[in-house]
Amino acid sequence: MNLLGNLLAPRTSKSRRRTNQGMHGTEEAIMRSEENTKINELYEMECAIELLAKSKPIFRSEEVWGIYKTFTGNRTALGGVMRRMVEKGVCTPRGMVKSHNKSRHFGYTMEYRSKRCTHTVGVR
């Protein structure tokens, strides 16, 4: 990207310019985190997400750890697994919401709408 293109690039939330290199780095980090996680752990995360999607019309990505309590591996792989589940059509992202988790210091987490849940009473 040339200098003028970099200056005109849209700014992200942290006031950094978005470039192709930054986006490539994110994809590379997601792939690296999945490579460093055991296959059975990735499968168990997918099963936990499927269970959440069948039982709740709206769920948060952090709720996977409530189902999958014995996980001791690489937790950063959840982002890649959630992306794959969105591509499979299990859920769709709704946006960022405040976390209920004290260990995350009540930061933001991603919320998803299930495409597999049958009870949708009171869901917008």
C-alpha atoms as a PDB file:
ATOM      1  CA  MET A   1       0.000   0.000   0.000  1.00  0.00           C
ATOM      2  CA  ASN A   2       1.424   3.376  -0.890  1.00  0.00           C
ATOM      3  CA  LEU A   3       1.724   6.300   1.522  1.00  0.00           C
ATOM      4  CA  LEU A   4      -1.442   8.054   0.343  1.00  0.00           C
ATOM      5  CA  GLY A   5      -3.460   4.827   0.525  1.00  0.00           C
ATOM      6  CA  ASN A   6      -2.225   4.211   4.065  1.00  0.00           C
ATOM      7  CA  LEU A   7      -3.217   7.714   5.165  1.00  0.00           C
ATOM      8  CA  LEU A   8      -6.702   7.312   3.688  1.00  0.00           C
ATOM      9  CA  ALA A   9      -7.254   3.841   5.160  1.00  0.00           C
ATOM     10  CA  PRO A  10     -10.132   3.640   7.671  1.00  0.00           C
ATOM     11  CA  ARG A  11      -9.130   3.801  11.303  1.00  0.00           C
ATOM     12  CA  THR A  12      -9.861   0.968  13.688  1.00  0.00           C
ATOM     13  CA  SER A  13     -11.231   1.360  17.210  1.00  0.00           C
ATOM     14  CA  LYS A  14      -7.747   1.773  18.670  1.00  0.00           C
ATOM     15  CA  SER A  15      -6.832   4.523  16.218  1.00  0.00           C
ATOM     16  CA  ARG A  16      -4.570   2.276  14.125  1.00  0.00           C
ATOM     17  CA  ARG A  17      -4.696   2.211  10.360  1.00  0.00           C
ATOM     18  CA  ARG A  18      -6.053  -1.003   8.930  1.00  0.00           C
ATOM     19  CA  THR A  19      -3.726  -2.514   6.364  1.00  0.00           C
ATOM     20  CA  ASN A  20      -3.601  -5.796   4.532  1.00  0.00           C
ATOM     21  CA  GLN A  21      -0.575  -6.737   6.578  1.00  0.00           C
ATOM     22  CA  GLY A  22      -2.506  -6.353   9.843  1.00  0.00           C
ATOM     23  CA  MET A  23      -5.406  -8.457   8.580  1.00  0.00           C
ATOM     24  CA  HIS A  24      -2.976 -11.102   7.340  1.00  0.00           C
ATOM     25  CA  GLY A  25      -1.327 -11.169  10.770  1.00  0.00           C
ATOM     26  CA  THR A  26      -4.697 -11.836  12.454  1.00  0.00           C
ATOM     27  CA  GLU A  27      -5.483 -14.764  10.139  1.00  0.00           C
ATOM     28  CA  GLU A  28      -1.992 -16.127  10.672  1.00  0.00           C
ATOM     29  CA  ALA A  29      -2.356 -15.910  14.469  1.00  0.00           C
ATOM     30  CA  ILE A  30      -5.690 -17.769  14.366  1.00  0.00           C
ATOM     31  CA  MET A  31      -4.202 -20.527  12.221  1.00  0.00           C
ATOM     32  CA  ARG A  32      -1.174 -20.777  14.518  1.00  0.00           C
ATOM     33  CA  SER A  33      -3.343 -21.102  17.624  1.00  0.00           C
ATOM     34  CA  GLU A  34      -5.349 -23.914  16.005  1.00  0.00           C
ATOM     35  CA  GLU A  35      -2.173 -25.702  14.912  1.00  0.00           C
ATOM     36  CA  ASN A  36      -0.907 -25.664  18.497  1.00  0.00           C
ATOM     37  CA  THR A  37      -4.106 -27.216  19.843  1.00  0.00           C
ATOM     38  CA  LYS A  38      -4.778 -30.950  19.854  1.00  0.00           C
ATOM     39  CA  ILE A  39      -7.381 -32.229  17.396  1.00  0.00           C
ATOM     40  CA  ASN A  40      -9.512 -33.832  20.108  1.00  0.00           C
ATOM     41  CA  GLU A  41      -9.626 -30.511  22.015  1.00  0.00           C
ATOM     42  CA  LEU A  42     -10.821 -28.684  18.884  1.00  0.00           C
ATOM     43  CA  TYR A  43     -13.495 -31.359  18.399  1.00  0.00           C
ATOM     44  CA  GLU A  44     -14.627 -31.063  22.018  1.00  0.00           C
ATOM     45  CA  MET A  45     -14.916 -27.269  21.649  1.00  0.00           C
ATOM     46  CA  GLU A  46     -17.055 -27.779  18.535  1.00  0.00           C
ATOM     47  CA  CYS A  47     -19.296 -30.214  20.446  1.00  0.00           C
ATOM     48  CA  ALA A  48     -19.682 -27.703  23.297  1.00  0.00           C
ATOM     49  CA  ILE A  49     -20.678 -24.983  20.823  1.00  0.00           C
ATOM     50  CA  GLU A  50     -23.190 -27.338  19.159  1.00  0.00           C
ATOM     51  CA  LEU A  51     -24.704 -28.082  22.579  1.00  0.00           C
ATOM     52  CA  LEU A  52     -24.966 -24.369  23.387  1.00  0.00           C
ATOM     53  CA  ALA A  53     -26.516 -23.648  19.984  1.00  0.00           C
ATOM     54  CA  LYS A  54     -29.159 -26.334  20.491  1.00  0.00           C
ATOM     55  CA  SER A  55     -30.043 -25.284  24.037  1.00  0.00           C
ATOM     56  CA  LYS A  56     -29.935 -21.459  23.922  1.00  0.00           C
ATOM     57  CA  PRO A  57     -31.174 -19.002  21.278  1.00  0.00           C
ATOM     58  CA  ILE A  58     -28.444 -16.477  22.193  1.00  0.00           C
ATOM     59  CA  PHE A  59     -25.127 -17.406  23.780  1.00  0.00           C
ATOM     60  CA  ARG A  60     -21.684 -15.934  24.413  1.00  0.00           C
ATOM     61  CA  SER A  61     -18.374 -17.420  23.404  1.00  0.00           C
ATOM     62  CA  GLU A  62     -17.234 -17.503  27.061  1.00  0.00           C
ATOM     63  CA  GLU A  63     -20.078 -19.897  27.930  1.00  0.00           C
ATOM     64  CA  VAL A  64     -18.176 -22.698  26.167  1.00  0.00           C
ATOM     65  CA  TRP A  65     -15.879 -22.928  29.179  1.00  0.00           C
ATOM     66  CA  GLY A  66     -18.887 -23.546  31.466  1.00  0.00           C
ATOM     67  CA  ILE A  67     -19.673 -26.704  29.494  1.00  0.00           C
ATOM     68  CA  TYR A  68     -16.098 -27.727  28.803  1.00  0.00           C
ATOM     69  CA  LYS A  69     -14.678 -27.372  32.340  1.00  0.00           C
ATOM     70  CA  THR A  70     -11.752 -29.783  32.017  1.00  0.00           C
ATOM     71  CA  PHE A  71     -10.007 -27.872  29.211  1.00  0.00           C
ATOM     72  CA  THR A  72      -6.340 -27.290  29.995  1.00  0.00           C
ATOM     73  CA  GLY A  73      -5.022 -26.496  26.516  1.00  0.00           C
ATOM     74  CA  ASN A  74      -4.784 -23.407  24.357  1.00  0.00           C
ATOM     75  CA  ARG A  75      -7.891 -21.233  24.934  1.00  0.00           C
ATOM     76  CA  THR A  76      -7.020 -18.882  22.088  1.00  0.00           C
ATOM     77  CA  ALA A  77      -8.130 -21.539  19.597  1.00  0.00           C
ATOM     78  CA  LEU A  78     -11.775 -20.794  20.471  1.00  0.00           C
ATOM     79  CA  GLY A  79     -11.828 -17.832  18.060  1.00  0.00           C
ATOM     80  CA  GLY A  80     -10.948 -20.045  15.114  1.00  0.00           C
ATOM     81  CA  VAL A  81     -13.429 -22.704  16.176  1.00  0.00           C
ATOM     82  CA  MET A  82     -16.199 -20.105  16.486  1.00  0.00           C
ATOM     83  CA  ARG A  83     -15.387 -18.810  12.994  1.00  0.00           C
ATOM     84  CA  ARG A  84     -15.645 -22.342  11.623  1.00  0.00           C
ATOM     85  CA  MET A  85     -18.999 -22.877  13.353  1.00  0.00           C
ATOM     86  CA  VAL A  86     -20.320 -19.632  11.823  1.00  0.00           C
ATOM     87  CA  GLU A  87     -19.187 -20.861   8.391  1.00  0.00           C
ATOM     88  CA  LYS A  88     -20.949 -24.201   9.007  1.00  0.00           C
ATOM     89  CA  GLY A  89     -24.182 -22.337   9.765  1.00  0.00           C
ATOM     90  CA  VAL A  90     -24.500 -23.251  13.437  1.00  0.00           C
ATOM     91  CA  CYS A  91     -24.717 -19.628  14.609  1.00  0.00           C
ATOM     92  CA  THR A  92     -24.306 -16.018  13.505  1.00  0.00           C
ATOM     93  CA  PRO A  93     -22.426 -13.253  15.349  1.00  0.00           C
ATOM     94  CA  ARG A  94     -24.609 -10.577  16.981  1.00  0.00           C
ATOM     95  CA  GLY A  95     -21.946  -8.243  18.320  1.00  0.00           C
ATOM     96  CA  MET A  96     -19.848  -7.460  21.362  1.00  0.00           C
ATOM     97  CA  VAL A  97     -21.409  -7.364  24.847  1.00  0.00           C
ATOM     98  CA  LYS A  98     -20.094  -6.890  28.385  1.00  0.00           C
ATOM     99  CA  SER A  99     -18.771 -10.075  29.949  1.00  0.00           C
ATOM    100  CA  HIS A 100     -20.142 -11.494  33.213  1.00  0.00           C
ATOM    101  CA  ASN A 101     -16.809 -13.123  33.949  1.00  0.00           C
ATOM    102  CA  LYS A 102     -14.745 -11.590  36.781  1.00  0.00           C
ATOM    103  CA  SER A 103     -11.534 -13.167  35.501  1.00  0.00           C
ATOM    104  CA  ARG A 104     -11.946 -11.208  32.255  1.00  0.00           C
ATOM    105  CA  HIS A 105     -12.337  -8.007  34.299  1.00  0.00           C
ATOM    106  CA  PHE A 106     -15.833  -7.548  32.850  1.00  0.00           C
ATOM    107  CA  GLY A 107     -14.392  -6.798  29.397  1.00  0.00           C
ATOM    108  CA  TYR A 108     -16.229  -7.435  26.145  1.00  0.00           C
ATOM    109  CA  THR A 109     -17.038 -10.806  24.641  1.00  0.00           C
ATOM    110  CA  MET A 110     -18.758 -11.885  21.431  1.00  0.00           C
ATOM    111  CA  GLU A 111     -22.431 -12.839  21.447  1.00  0.00           C
ATOM    112  CA  TYR A 112     -23.936 -15.255  18.913  1.00  0.00           C
ATOM    113  CA  ARG A 113     -27.456 -16.086  17.715  1.00  0.00           C
ATOM    114  CA  SER A 114     -28.129 -19.795  17.339  1.00  0.00           C
ATOM    115  CA  LYS A 115     -29.564 -21.213  14.141  1.00  0.00           C
ATOM    116  CA  ARG A 116     -30.224 -24.603  15.755  1.00  0.00           C
ATOM    117  CA  CYS A 117     -32.306 -23.663  18.809  1.00  0.00           C
ATOM    118  CA  THR A 118     -36.035 -24.361  18.663  1.00  0.00           C
ATOM    119  CA  HIS A 119     -37.213 -22.094  21.518  1.00  0.00           C
ATOM    120  CA  THR A 120     -36.876 -18.435  20.557  1.00  0.00           C
ATOM    121  CA  VAL A 121     -39.399 -16.828  22.941  1.00  0.00           C
ATOM    122  CA  GLY A 122     -38.426 -13.265  23.839  1.00  0.00           C
ATOM    123  CA  VAL A 123     -35.445 -13.122  21.481  1.00  0.00           C
ATOM    124  CA  ARG A 124     -34.979 -10.056  19.298  1.00  0.00           C
END
